Amino acid sequence: MTVNFELSLYQCPEFCASAPFQMDCRGSVDPKDLRARFRTPVECDWAWMAKFDHEFVGREALEKEIASPKRKLVTLEFNADDLADVYRSQFTDEPYKYMDMPCADPQPAGGHQDYVTDAEGNVIGISADPTYSSHFHTMISHAILDVEKIEEGKEVLVQWGDCGKRIKNLRATIAKFPYIHGVMDNRDYDVSTCPSGLVQRKLSFG
């Protein structure tokens, strides 16, 4: 939150009037498209935490989305040659938007969102702020893509740049989320088996 996406509270005029920081809409996504900068729990891969044994605000909408999700969270791996073109352009009279490292657009970054398209130029999702992984030696980002367009290993295009300015189509490959390979995957680890270091003592009073 505030890194890969922003608070939907920015849709509320009262919040915006008192917010300590205003949302800075950057990236190739049209600044007027606020929805592209927000995420639903399903788009964040949080649906597994949903419990429908009580009433809460947004329950009906969440149930509908879980039953028929439109977009899903994936990882994108950026093409190194295309990234090199971005840096090479800095030494020309027409540079592309600079891509900082390790975070492509420094904080606050949640307002930075780029369109993801297929080879034909159809928008199929949104890529959040690219980040360099020194462990995997690659630039990656979280992206929400149309469910029917997701195919691990498939190449897509990320429109790098700011809306209305020079755009560079960066090739990127769809990878799984969470982005775990070659390291320990502890998502299903039973934490109850971990020693807590606490000793239970029977207390008496009086």
N, C-alpha and C. Protein backbone atom coordinates (compact mmCIF):
# COMPACT_ATOMS: atom_id res chain seq x y z
N MET A 1 0.85 -1.19 0.00
CA MET A 1 0.00 0.00 0.00
C MET A 1 0.88 1.24 0.00
N THR A 2 0.56 2.21 -0.84
CA THR A 2 1.29 3.45 -1.10
C THR A 2 2.57 3.21 -1.89
N VAL A 3 2.94 1.94 -2.13
CA VAL A 3 4.09 1.63 -2.99
C VAL A 3 3.58 1.08 -4.32
N ASN A 4 2.80 0.00 -4.26
CA ASN A 4 2.25 -0.60 -5.48
C ASN A 4 0.86 -0.07 -5.82
N PHE A 5 0.21 0.55 -4.88
CA PHE A 5 -1.10 1.16 -5.15
C PHE A 5 -1.37 2.21 -4.08
N GLU A 6 -2.40 3.02 -4.30
CA GLU A 6 -2.73 4.08 -3.35
C GLU A 6 -4.06 3.79 -2.65
N LEU A 7 -4.31 4.57 -1.61
CA LEU A 7 -5.55 4.45 -0.85
C LEU A 7 -6.72 4.96 -1.67
N SER A 8 -7.80 4.18 -1.69
CA SER A 8 -9.00 4.64 -2.42
C SER A 8 -9.66 5.82 -1.71
N LEU A 9 -9.17 6.14 -0.51
CA LEU A 9 -9.69 7.31 0.19
C LEU A 9 -9.46 8.59 -0.61
N TYR A 10 -8.53 8.53 -1.57
CA TYR A 10 -8.27 9.71 -2.39
C TYR A 10 -9.45 10.02 -3.31
N GLN A 11 -10.47 9.18 -3.31
CA GLN A 11 -11.70 9.49 -4.04
C GLN A 11 -12.61 10.38 -3.20
N CYS A 12 -12.29 10.49 -1.92
CA CYS A 12 -13.14 11.24 -0.98
C CYS A 12 -12.65 12.68 -0.85
N PRO A 13 -13.45 13.67 -1.23
CA PRO A 13 -13.03 15.08 -1.15
C PRO A 13 -12.64 15.49 0.27
N GLU A 14 -13.35 14.98 1.28
CA GLU A 14 -13.05 15.34 2.66
C GLU A 14 -11.65 14.85 3.05
N PHE A 15 -11.31 13.63 2.62
CA PHE A 15 -9.99 13.10 2.92
C PHE A 15 -8.91 13.91 2.20
N CYS A 16 -9.14 14.20 0.94
CA CYS A 16 -8.15 14.93 0.15
C CYS A 16 -7.89 16.32 0.74
N ALA A 17 -8.94 16.91 1.32
CA ALA A 17 -8.80 18.25 1.89
C ALA A 17 -7.91 18.25 3.12
N SER A 18 -7.85 17.12 3.83
CA SER A 18 -7.06 17.08 5.07
C SER A 18 -5.86 16.14 4.99
N ALA A 19 -5.67 15.47 3.85
CA ALA A 19 -4.56 14.52 3.72
C ALA A 19 -3.22 15.24 3.81
N PRO A 20 -2.26 14.68 4.56
CA PRO A 20 -0.94 15.32 4.68
C PRO A 20 -0.18 15.34 3.36
N PHE A 21 -0.46 14.37 2.49
CA PHE A 21 0.17 14.32 1.17
C PHE A 21 -0.90 14.10 0.11
N GLN A 22 -0.80 14.81 -0.97
CA GLN A 22 -1.72 14.61 -2.08
C GLN A 22 -1.17 13.52 -3.00
N MET A 23 -2.06 12.77 -3.63
CA MET A 23 -1.63 11.72 -4.52
C MET A 23 -1.00 12.33 -5.78
N ASP A 24 0.18 11.84 -6.11
CA ASP A 24 0.91 12.32 -7.28
C ASP A 24 0.72 11.30 -8.40
N CYS A 25 -0.13 11.61 -9.36
CA CYS A 25 -0.47 10.66 -10.42
C CYS A 25 0.59 10.69 -11.51
N ARG A 26 1.42 9.66 -11.55
CA ARG A 26 2.47 9.56 -12.54
C ARG A 26 2.33 8.24 -13.29
N GLY A 27 3.17 8.08 -14.31
CA GLY A 27 3.11 6.88 -15.13
C GLY A 27 2.29 7.12 -16.38
N SER A 28 2.23 6.12 -17.24
CA SER A 28 1.53 6.27 -18.52
C SER A 28 0.02 6.26 -18.37
N VAL A 29 -0.50 5.81 -17.23
CA VAL A 29 -1.94 5.82 -17.01
C VAL A 29 -2.44 7.26 -16.92
N ASP A 30 -3.55 7.54 -17.58
CA ASP A 30 -4.15 8.87 -17.55
C ASP A 30 -4.41 9.29 -16.10
N PRO A 31 -3.92 10.47 -15.68
CA PRO A 31 -4.12 10.93 -14.30
C PRO A 31 -5.58 10.96 -13.87
N LYS A 32 -6.49 11.10 -14.84
CA LYS A 32 -7.92 11.13 -14.50
C LYS A 32 -8.45 9.75 -14.13
N ASP A 33 -7.70 8.70 -14.46
CA ASP A 33 -8.14 7.33 -14.19
C ASP A 33 -7.67 6.92 -12.79
N LEU A 34 -8.37 7.42 -11.77
CA LEU A 34 -7.97 7.11 -10.39
C LEU A 34 -8.12 5.63 -10.07
N ARG A 35 -9.11 4.98 -10.65
CA ARG A 35 -9.35 3.56 -10.36
C ARG A 35 -8.11 2.72 -10.64
N ALA A 36 -7.33 3.11 -11.64
CA ALA A 36 -6.14 2.35 -12.00
C ALA A 36 -5.09 2.39 -10.90
N ARG A 37 -5.22 3.34 -9.97
CA ARG A 37 -4.23 3.49 -8.91
C ARG A 37 -4.65 2.82 -7.62
N PHE A 38 -5.82 2.22 -7.63
CA PHE A 38 -6.34 1.53 -6.46
C PHE A 38 -6.38 0.02 -6.72
N ARG A 39 -6.57 -0.77 -5.68
CA ARG A 39 -6.65 -2.22 -5.82
C ARG A 39 -7.80 -2.74 -4.96
N THR A 40 -8.41 -3.80 -5.42
CA THR A 40 -9.39 -4.50 -4.59
C THR A 40 -8.64 -5.59 -3.82
N PRO A 41 -9.24 -6.15 -2.76
CA PRO A 41 -8.59 -7.25 -2.05
C PRO A 41 -8.26 -8.43 -2.96
N VAL A 42 -9.13 -8.70 -3.94
CA VAL A 42 -8.89 -9.81 -4.87
C VAL A 42 -7.66 -9.51 -5.72
N GLU A 43 -7.55 -8.27 -6.19
CA GLU A 43 -6.41 -7.88 -7.02
C GLU A 43 -5.10 -7.91 -6.24
N CYS A 44 -5.19 -7.83 -4.92
CA CYS A 44 -3.99 -7.90 -4.07
C CYS A 44 -3.68 -9.32 -3.62
N ASP A 45 -4.47 -10.29 -4.09
CA ASP A 45 -4.31 -11.69 -3.67
C ASP A 45 -4.61 -11.87 -2.18
N TRP A 46 -5.57 -11.11 -1.69
CA TRP A 46 -5.96 -11.19 -0.28
C TRP A 46 -7.29 -11.94 -0.10
N ALA A 47 -7.87 -12.45 -1.16
CA ALA A 47 -9.19 -13.07 -1.08
C ALA A 47 -9.22 -14.23 -0.10
N TRP A 48 -8.09 -14.93 0.05
CA TRP A 48 -8.06 -16.10 0.94
C TRP A 48 -8.31 -15.71 2.39
N MET A 49 -8.18 -14.43 2.72
CA MET A 49 -8.41 -13.99 4.10
C MET A 49 -9.86 -13.60 4.36
N ALA A 50 -10.67 -13.58 3.30
CA ALA A 50 -12.06 -13.14 3.45
C ALA A 50 -12.88 -14.17 4.21
N LYS A 51 -13.65 -13.70 5.19
CA LYS A 51 -14.57 -14.55 5.97
C LYS A 51 -15.95 -13.93 5.85
N PHE A 52 -16.90 -14.74 5.35
CA PHE A 52 -18.25 -14.23 5.12
C PHE A 52 -19.23 -14.73 6.18
N ASP A 53 -18.72 -14.89 7.41
CA ASP A 53 -19.58 -15.32 8.51
C ASP A 53 -20.11 -14.15 9.33
N HIS A 54 -19.95 -12.92 8.77
CA HIS A 54 -20.45 -11.72 9.45
C HIS A 54 -20.68 -10.65 8.39
N GLU A 55 -21.40 -9.62 8.78
CA GLU A 55 -21.68 -8.52 7.85
C GLU A 55 -20.57 -7.47 7.92
N PHE A 56 -20.22 -6.90 6.79
CA PHE A 56 -19.25 -5.81 6.76
C PHE A 56 -19.46 -5.00 5.49
N VAL A 57 -18.97 -3.77 5.50
CA VAL A 57 -19.11 -2.88 4.35
C VAL A 57 -18.36 -3.47 3.16
N GLY A 58 -19.05 -3.61 2.03
CA GLY A 58 -18.42 -4.12 0.83
C GLY A 58 -18.51 -5.63 0.67
N ARG A 59 -19.23 -6.30 1.57
CA ARG A 59 -19.30 -7.76 1.51
C ARG A 59 -19.87 -8.25 0.18
N GLU A 60 -20.97 -7.66 -0.26
CA GLU A 60 -21.62 -8.12 -1.48
C GLU A 60 -20.69 -7.98 -2.69
N ALA A 61 -20.03 -6.84 -2.78
CA ALA A 61 -19.11 -6.60 -3.90
C ALA A 61 -17.94 -7.58 -3.87
N LEU A 62 -17.43 -7.85 -2.67
CA LEU A 62 -16.30 -8.77 -2.53
C LEU A 62 -16.70 -10.19 -2.90
N GLU A 63 -17.87 -10.62 -2.47
CA GLU A 63 -18.35 -11.96 -2.82
C GLU A 63 -18.47 -12.12 -4.33
N LYS A 64 -18.98 -11.09 -5.00
CA LYS A 64 -19.14 -11.16 -6.45
C LYS A 64 -17.78 -11.26 -7.15
N GLU A 65 -16.82 -10.47 -6.66
CA GLU A 65 -15.51 -10.48 -7.31
C GLU A 65 -14.76 -11.79 -7.08
N ILE A 66 -14.88 -12.35 -5.89
CA ILE A 66 -14.23 -13.63 -5.61
C ILE A 66 -14.84 -14.73 -6.49
N ALA A 67 -16.15 -14.66 -6.70
CA ALA A 67 -16.82 -15.67 -7.51
C ALA A 67 -16.43 -15.56 -8.98
N SER A 68 -16.13 -14.33 -9.43
CA SER A 68 -15.78 -14.14 -10.84
C SER A 68 -14.76 -13.01 -10.97
N PRO A 69 -13.49 -13.30 -10.62
CA PRO A 69 -12.46 -12.25 -10.67
C PRO A 69 -12.18 -11.79 -12.09
N LYS A 70 -11.97 -10.49 -12.23
CA LYS A 70 -11.68 -9.91 -13.56
C LYS A 70 -10.17 -9.83 -13.80
N ARG A 71 -9.44 -9.47 -12.76
CA ARG A 71 -7.99 -9.33 -12.87
C ARG A 71 -7.29 -10.06 -11.73
N LYS A 72 -6.05 -10.44 -11.99
CA LYS A 72 -5.27 -11.22 -11.03
C LYS A 72 -3.86 -10.65 -10.94
N LEU A 73 -3.27 -10.79 -9.76
CA LEU A 73 -1.93 -10.28 -9.51
C LEU A 73 -0.87 -11.22 -10.06
N VAL A 74 0.09 -10.66 -10.79
CA VAL A 74 1.21 -11.42 -11.34
C VAL A 74 2.48 -10.62 -11.12
N THR A 75 3.61 -11.24 -11.43
CA THR A 75 4.89 -10.54 -11.44
C THR A 75 5.32 -10.35 -12.89
N LEU A 76 5.91 -9.22 -13.19
CA LEU A 76 6.47 -8.99 -14.52
C LEU A 76 7.98 -8.90 -14.41
N GLU A 77 8.68 -9.57 -15.33
CA GLU A 77 10.13 -9.49 -15.42
C GLU A 77 10.47 -8.66 -16.66
N PHE A 78 11.18 -7.56 -16.47
CA PHE A 78 11.45 -6.64 -17.56
C PHE A 78 12.64 -7.09 -18.41
N ASN A 79 12.54 -6.80 -19.71
CA ASN A 79 13.59 -7.14 -20.65
C ASN A 79 14.81 -6.24 -20.44
N ALA A 80 15.98 -6.84 -20.23
CA ALA A 80 17.19 -6.07 -19.92
C ALA A 80 17.60 -5.16 -21.07
N ASP A 81 17.44 -5.60 -22.31
CA ASP A 81 17.84 -4.77 -23.45
C ASP A 81 16.98 -3.51 -23.55
N ASP A 82 15.69 -3.64 -23.26
CA ASP A 82 14.80 -2.48 -23.30
C ASP A 82 15.13 -1.50 -22.18
N LEU A 83 15.50 -2.03 -21.01
CA LEU A 83 15.91 -1.16 -19.91
C LEU A 83 17.18 -0.42 -20.28
N ALA A 84 18.10 -1.11 -20.95
CA ALA A 84 19.35 -0.47 -21.37
C ALA A 84 19.07 0.68 -22.34
N ASP A 85 18.03 0.52 -23.17
CA ASP A 85 17.65 1.59 -24.10
C ASP A 85 17.19 2.84 -23.35
N VAL A 86 16.48 2.61 -22.23
CA VAL A 86 16.03 3.75 -21.41
C VAL A 86 17.23 4.51 -20.88
N TYR A 87 18.22 3.81 -20.36
CA TYR A 87 19.40 4.48 -19.82
C TYR A 87 20.26 5.08 -20.94
N ARG A 88 20.36 4.40 -22.07
CA ARG A 88 21.12 4.91 -23.20
C ARG A 88 20.53 6.23 -23.71
N SER A 89 19.20 6.33 -23.65
CA SER A 89 18.54 7.53 -24.17
C SER A 89 18.86 8.78 -23.35
N GLN A 90 19.34 8.59 -22.11
CA GLN A 90 19.66 9.74 -21.26
C GLN A 90 20.80 10.56 -21.86
N PHE A 91 21.55 9.98 -22.80
CA PHE A 91 22.68 10.66 -23.42
C PHE A 91 22.32 11.19 -24.81
N THR A 92 21.01 11.38 -25.03
CA THR A 92 20.51 11.92 -26.28
C THR A 92 19.67 13.15 -25.99
N ASP A 93 19.21 13.80 -27.03
CA ASP A 93 18.37 14.98 -26.86
C ASP A 93 16.91 14.62 -26.61
N GLU A 94 16.56 13.35 -26.76
CA GLU A 94 15.18 12.92 -26.53
C GLU A 94 15.17 11.71 -25.60
N PRO A 95 15.47 11.93 -24.33
CA PRO A 95 15.52 10.81 -23.40
C PRO A 95 14.13 10.32 -23.01
N TYR A 96 14.04 9.04 -22.74
CA TYR A 96 12.83 8.50 -22.13
C TYR A 96 12.82 8.89 -20.66
N LYS A 97 11.70 8.72 -20.01
CA LYS A 97 11.65 8.99 -18.59
C LYS A 97 12.70 8.15 -17.88
N TYR A 98 13.46 8.79 -17.00
CA TYR A 98 14.54 8.09 -16.30
C TYR A 98 13.94 7.04 -15.36
N MET A 99 14.58 5.88 -15.32
CA MET A 99 14.15 4.82 -14.41
C MET A 99 15.18 4.70 -13.30
N ASP A 100 14.78 5.15 -12.12
CA ASP A 100 15.68 5.13 -10.97
C ASP A 100 15.86 3.70 -10.47
N MET A 101 16.85 3.49 -9.62
CA MET A 101 17.09 2.19 -9.00
C MET A 101 17.36 2.41 -7.52
N PRO A 102 16.91 1.50 -6.66
CA PRO A 102 16.23 0.25 -7.01
C PRO A 102 14.74 0.44 -7.30
N CYS A 103 14.17 1.55 -6.87
CA CYS A 103 12.74 1.80 -7.12
C CYS A 103 12.62 2.76 -8.29
N ALA A 104 11.93 2.35 -9.36
CA ALA A 104 11.93 3.09 -10.62
C ALA A 104 11.42 4.52 -10.49
N ASP A 105 10.45 4.74 -9.63
CA ASP A 105 9.93 6.08 -9.41
C ASP A 105 9.88 6.27 -7.89
N PRO A 106 10.85 6.99 -7.32
CA PRO A 106 10.99 7.05 -5.86
C PRO A 106 9.70 7.43 -5.14
N GLN A 107 9.67 7.10 -3.85
CA GLN A 107 8.49 7.33 -3.03
C GLN A 107 8.11 8.81 -3.02
N PRO A 108 6.80 9.11 -2.80
CA PRO A 108 5.69 8.14 -2.74
C PRO A 108 5.37 7.60 -4.13
N ALA A 109 5.32 6.28 -4.23
CA ALA A 109 5.25 5.66 -5.56
C ALA A 109 3.89 5.08 -5.90
N GLY A 110 2.97 5.01 -4.95
CA GLY A 110 1.69 4.36 -5.22
C GLY A 110 0.90 5.00 -6.33
N GLY A 111 1.15 6.29 -6.60
CA GLY A 111 0.44 6.96 -7.67
C GLY A 111 1.02 6.68 -9.03
N HIS A 112 2.17 5.98 -9.08
CA HIS A 112 2.78 5.67 -10.37
C HIS A 112 2.24 4.35 -10.89
N GLN A 113 1.53 4.40 -12.03
CA GLN A 113 0.97 3.20 -12.63
C GLN A 113 1.15 3.29 -14.14
N ASP A 114 1.52 2.17 -14.76
CA ASP A 114 1.72 2.12 -16.20
C ASP A 114 0.76 1.13 -16.85
N TYR A 115 0.31 1.48 -18.04
CA TYR A 115 -0.53 0.56 -18.80
C TYR A 115 0.29 -0.65 -19.25
N VAL A 116 -0.34 -1.82 -19.23
CA VAL A 116 0.24 -3.04 -19.80
C VAL A 116 -0.62 -3.40 -21.00
N THR A 117 0.03 -3.66 -22.13
CA THR A 117 -0.71 -4.01 -23.34
C THR A 117 -0.23 -5.34 -23.89
N ASP A 118 -1.03 -5.90 -24.79
CA ASP A 118 -0.59 -7.08 -25.53
C ASP A 118 0.16 -6.60 -26.78
N ALA A 119 0.58 -7.54 -27.60
CA ALA A 119 1.37 -7.18 -28.80
C ALA A 119 0.60 -6.29 -29.76
N GLU A 120 -0.74 -6.36 -29.72
CA GLU A 120 -1.57 -5.55 -30.62
C GLU A 120 -1.87 -4.17 -30.04
N GLY A 121 -1.42 -3.90 -28.84
CA GLY A 121 -1.65 -2.59 -28.24
C GLY A 121 -2.89 -2.49 -27.39
N ASN A 122 -3.58 -3.59 -27.14
CA ASN A 122 -4.77 -3.58 -26.30
C ASN A 122 -4.37 -3.56 -24.83
N VAL A 123 -4.94 -2.65 -24.06
CA VAL A 123 -4.64 -2.57 -22.63
C VAL A 123 -5.23 -3.79 -21.92
N ILE A 124 -4.36 -4.54 -21.23
CA ILE A 124 -4.80 -5.76 -20.54
C ILE A 124 -4.53 -5.70 -19.04
N GLY A 125 -4.02 -4.56 -18.56
CA GLY A 125 -3.77 -4.47 -17.14
C GLY A 125 -2.94 -3.26 -16.78
N ILE A 126 -2.49 -3.25 -15.52
CA ILE A 126 -1.74 -2.14 -14.95
C ILE A 126 -0.51 -2.67 -14.23
N SER A 127 0.63 -2.04 -14.49
CA SER A 127 1.88 -2.39 -13.81
C SER A 127 2.19 -1.34 -12.76
N ALA A 128 2.55 -1.79 -11.57
CA ALA A 128 2.94 -0.86 -10.53
C ALA A 128 4.43 -0.53 -10.66
N ASP A 129 4.92 0.27 -9.77
CA ASP A 129 6.29 0.78 -9.80
C ASP A 129 7.33 -0.32 -9.92
N PRO A 130 8.10 -0.38 -11.03
CA PRO A 130 9.14 -1.41 -11.18
C PRO A 130 10.23 -1.25 -10.11
N THR A 131 10.75 -2.38 -9.68
CA THR A 131 11.78 -2.38 -8.63
C THR A 131 12.88 -3.37 -9.00
N TYR A 132 14.12 -2.96 -8.77
CA TYR A 132 15.25 -3.83 -9.08
C TYR A 132 15.48 -4.82 -7.94
N SER A 133 15.61 -6.10 -8.29
CA SER A 133 15.93 -7.14 -7.32
C SER A 133 17.41 -7.49 -7.45
N SER A 134 18.18 -7.16 -6.43
CA SER A 134 19.61 -7.50 -6.45
C SER A 134 19.81 -9.00 -6.27
N HIS A 135 18.82 -9.69 -5.72
CA HIS A 135 18.92 -11.14 -5.55
C HIS A 135 18.73 -11.86 -6.88
N PHE A 136 17.72 -11.45 -7.63
CA PHE A 136 17.41 -12.11 -8.90
C PHE A 136 18.05 -11.41 -10.11
N HIS A 137 18.68 -10.24 -9.86
CA HIS A 137 19.35 -9.49 -10.91
C HIS A 137 18.41 -9.16 -12.08
N THR A 138 17.25 -8.69 -11.71
CA THR A 138 16.28 -8.32 -12.73
C THR A 138 15.36 -7.23 -12.19
N MET A 139 14.74 -6.49 -13.10
CA MET A 139 13.75 -5.48 -12.72
C MET A 139 12.38 -6.15 -12.78
N ILE A 140 11.65 -6.07 -11.69
CA ILE A 140 10.35 -6.72 -11.62
C ILE A 140 9.29 -5.71 -11.15
N SER A 141 8.04 -6.05 -11.39
CA SER A 141 6.96 -5.23 -10.86
C SER A 141 5.76 -6.12 -10.59
N HIS A 142 4.89 -5.64 -9.71
CA HIS A 142 3.60 -6.27 -9.54
C HIS A 142 2.68 -5.71 -10.60
N ALA A 143 1.83 -6.55 -11.15
CA ALA A 143 0.87 -6.09 -12.15
C ALA A 143 -0.44 -6.85 -11.97
N ILE A 144 -1.53 -6.16 -12.22
CA ILE A 144 -2.83 -6.84 -12.27
C ILE A 144 -3.22 -6.92 -13.74
N LEU A 145 -3.45 -8.15 -14.20
CA LEU A 145 -3.78 -8.38 -15.60
C LEU A 145 -5.14 -9.06 -15.73
N ASP A 146 -5.78 -8.84 -16.88
CA ASP A 146 -7.03 -9.53 -17.17
C ASP A 146 -6.79 -11.03 -17.06
N VAL A 147 -7.66 -11.72 -16.34
CA VAL A 147 -7.48 -13.14 -16.05
C VAL A 147 -7.26 -13.95 -17.32
N GLU A 148 -8.05 -13.67 -18.37
CA GLU A 148 -7.97 -14.47 -19.59
C GLU A 148 -6.69 -14.20 -20.39
N LYS A 149 -5.94 -13.15 -20.01
CA LYS A 149 -4.70 -12.81 -20.72
C LYS A 149 -3.45 -13.33 -20.01
N ILE A 150 -3.63 -13.94 -18.86
CA ILE A 150 -2.48 -14.38 -18.08
C ILE A 150 -1.99 -15.75 -18.55
N GLU A 151 -0.73 -15.77 -18.92
CA GLU A 151 -0.08 -17.01 -19.33
C GLU A 151 1.40 -16.90 -18.93
N GLU A 152 1.80 -17.69 -17.96
CA GLU A 152 3.17 -17.59 -17.47
C GLU A 152 4.15 -17.81 -18.62
N GLY A 153 5.12 -16.89 -18.71
CA GLY A 153 6.11 -16.97 -19.78
C GLY A 153 5.76 -16.13 -20.99
N LYS A 154 4.53 -15.61 -21.03
CA LYS A 154 4.09 -14.81 -22.18
C LYS A 154 4.66 -13.40 -22.08
N GLU A 155 4.99 -12.82 -23.22
CA GLU A 155 5.55 -11.47 -23.25
C GLU A 155 4.45 -10.44 -23.43
N VAL A 156 4.52 -9.37 -22.64
CA VAL A 156 3.60 -8.24 -22.73
C VAL A 156 4.43 -6.97 -22.85
N LEU A 157 3.76 -5.84 -22.99
CA LEU A 157 4.45 -4.56 -23.10
C LEU A 157 4.00 -3.63 -21.98
N VAL A 158 4.96 -3.02 -21.32
CA VAL A 158 4.67 -2.02 -20.29
C VAL A 158 5.00 -0.65 -20.85
N GLN A 159 4.01 0.24 -20.85
CA GLN A 159 4.20 1.58 -21.39
C GLN A 159 4.88 2.47 -20.35
N TRP A 160 6.21 2.53 -20.43
CA TRP A 160 7.00 3.29 -19.46
C TRP A 160 7.06 4.77 -19.85
N GLY A 161 6.73 5.62 -18.91
CA GLY A 161 6.74 7.06 -19.15
C GLY A 161 5.56 7.71 -18.48
N ASP A 162 5.41 9.00 -18.66
CA ASP A 162 4.28 9.72 -18.09
C ASP A 162 3.27 10.07 -19.18
N CYS A 163 2.00 10.06 -18.79
CA CYS A 163 0.91 10.32 -19.72
C CYS A 163 1.13 11.64 -20.47
N GLY A 164 1.02 11.59 -21.80
CA GLY A 164 1.19 12.78 -22.60
C GLY A 164 2.62 13.09 -22.98
N LYS A 165 3.55 12.30 -22.46
CA LYS A 165 4.97 12.50 -22.77
C LYS A 165 5.51 11.28 -23.51
N ARG A 166 6.81 11.26 -23.77
CA ARG A 166 7.40 10.18 -24.54
C ARG A 166 7.26 8.85 -23.81
N ILE A 167 6.79 7.85 -24.51
CA ILE A 167 6.53 6.53 -23.94
C ILE A 167 7.46 5.50 -24.58
N LYS A 168 8.00 4.63 -23.75
CA LYS A 168 8.82 3.52 -24.23
C LYS A 168 8.11 2.22 -23.89
N ASN A 169 7.84 1.40 -24.90
CA ASN A 169 7.24 0.09 -24.65
C ASN A 169 8.34 -0.87 -24.19
N LEU A 170 8.24 -1.27 -22.94
CA LEU A 170 9.22 -2.20 -22.39
C LEU A 170 8.66 -3.61 -22.43
N ARG A 171 9.39 -4.51 -23.05
CA ARG A 171 8.97 -5.90 -23.04
C ARG A 171 9.11 -6.47 -21.63
N ALA A 172 8.12 -7.25 -21.24
CA ALA A 172 8.15 -7.89 -19.91
C ALA A 172 7.50 -9.26 -20.02
N THR A 173 7.98 -10.18 -19.21
CA THR A 173 7.48 -11.55 -19.23
C THR A 173 6.65 -11.81 -17.99
N ILE A 174 5.49 -12.42 -18.18
CA ILE A 174 4.61 -12.75 -17.05
C ILE A 174 5.22 -13.89 -16.24
N ALA A 175 5.36 -13.65 -14.95
CA ALA A 175 5.88 -14.66 -14.02
C ALA A 175 4.90 -14.81 -12.87
N LYS A 176 5.10 -15.84 -12.09
CA LYS A 176 4.15 -16.13 -11.02
C LYS A 176 4.25 -15.13 -9.88
N PHE A 177 3.20 -15.07 -9.10
CA PHE A 177 3.18 -14.33 -7.86
C PHE A 177 2.72 -15.28 -6.77
N PRO A 178 3.36 -15.33 -5.60
CA PRO A 178 4.55 -14.59 -5.22
C PRO A 178 5.77 -14.99 -6.06
N TYR A 179 6.71 -14.06 -6.18
CA TYR A 179 7.89 -14.27 -7.01
C TYR A 179 8.93 -15.03 -6.18
N ILE A 180 8.71 -16.34 -6.06
CA ILE A 180 9.56 -17.18 -5.22
C ILE A 180 10.12 -18.32 -6.06
N HIS A 181 11.42 -18.36 -6.23
CA HIS A 181 12.06 -19.50 -6.87
C HIS A 181 13.53 -19.52 -6.44
N GLY A 182 13.98 -20.69 -6.06
CA GLY A 182 15.35 -20.82 -5.61
C GLY A 182 15.57 -20.37 -4.18
N VAL A 183 14.49 -19.95 -3.52
CA VAL A 183 14.56 -19.57 -2.11
C VAL A 183 13.43 -20.27 -1.38
N MET A 184 13.49 -20.26 -0.06
CA MET A 184 12.49 -20.98 0.74
C MET A 184 11.10 -20.36 0.59
N ASP A 185 10.14 -21.20 0.31
CA ASP A 185 8.75 -20.77 0.26
C ASP A 185 8.09 -21.22 1.56
N ASN A 186 7.83 -20.27 2.45
CA ASN A 186 7.32 -20.61 3.77
C ASN A 186 5.86 -20.22 3.98
N ARG A 187 5.12 -20.05 2.86
CA ARG A 187 3.72 -19.61 2.98
C ARG A 187 2.88 -20.61 3.76
N ASP A 188 3.19 -21.92 3.64
CA ASP A 188 2.37 -22.93 4.31
C ASP A 188 3.05 -23.48 5.57
N TYR A 189 4.06 -22.77 6.05
CA TYR A 189 4.77 -23.24 7.24
C TYR A 189 3.87 -23.14 8.47
N ASP A 190 3.87 -24.18 9.27
CA ASP A 190 3.05 -24.22 10.48
C ASP A 190 3.80 -23.51 11.59
N VAL A 191 3.43 -22.25 11.83
CA VAL A 191 4.15 -21.46 12.82
C VAL A 191 3.93 -21.94 14.24
N SER A 192 2.88 -22.78 14.44
CA SER A 192 2.62 -23.29 15.80
C SER A 192 3.72 -24.26 16.24
N THR A 193 4.51 -24.73 15.28
CA THR A 193 5.61 -25.65 15.62
C THR A 193 6.88 -24.90 16.02
N CYS A 194 6.87 -23.59 15.88
CA CYS A 194 8.05 -22.81 16.22
C CYS A 194 8.12 -22.59 17.73
N PRO A 195 9.27 -22.85 18.36
CA PRO A 195 9.40 -22.58 19.79
C PRO A 195 9.26 -21.08 20.04
N SER A 196 8.44 -20.73 21.02
CA SER A 196 8.18 -19.31 21.27
C SER A 196 9.19 -18.68 22.20
N GLY A 197 9.89 -19.51 22.96
CA GLY A 197 10.83 -18.96 23.93
C GLY A 197 10.15 -18.51 25.20
N LEU A 198 8.83 -18.71 25.28
CA LEU A 198 8.09 -18.32 26.48
C LEU A 198 7.85 -19.54 27.35
N VAL A 199 7.93 -19.39 28.63
CA VAL A 199 7.68 -20.46 29.57
C VAL A 199 6.37 -20.18 30.29
N GLN A 200 5.46 -21.13 30.25
CA GLN A 200 4.18 -20.95 30.93
C GLN A 200 4.37 -21.13 32.42
N ARG A 201 3.87 -20.22 33.21
CA ARG A 201 3.97 -20.30 34.66
C ARG A 201 2.57 -20.15 35.27
N LYS A 202 2.34 -20.93 36.28
CA LYS A 202 1.07 -20.83 37.01
C LYS A 202 1.22 -19.75 38.05
N LEU A 203 0.35 -18.74 37.96
CA LEU A 203 0.43 -17.62 38.89
C LEU A 203 -0.58 -17.80 40.00
N SER A 204 -0.18 -17.46 41.20
CA SER A 204 -1.11 -17.52 42.35
C SER A 204 -1.16 -16.15 42.98
N PHE A 205 -2.32 -15.81 43.45
CA PHE A 205 -2.53 -14.51 44.07
C PHE A 205 -3.08 -14.69 45.48
N GLY A 206 -2.79 -13.71 46.34
CA GLY A 206 -3.33 -13.75 47.67
C GLY A 206 -2.32 -14.25 48.68
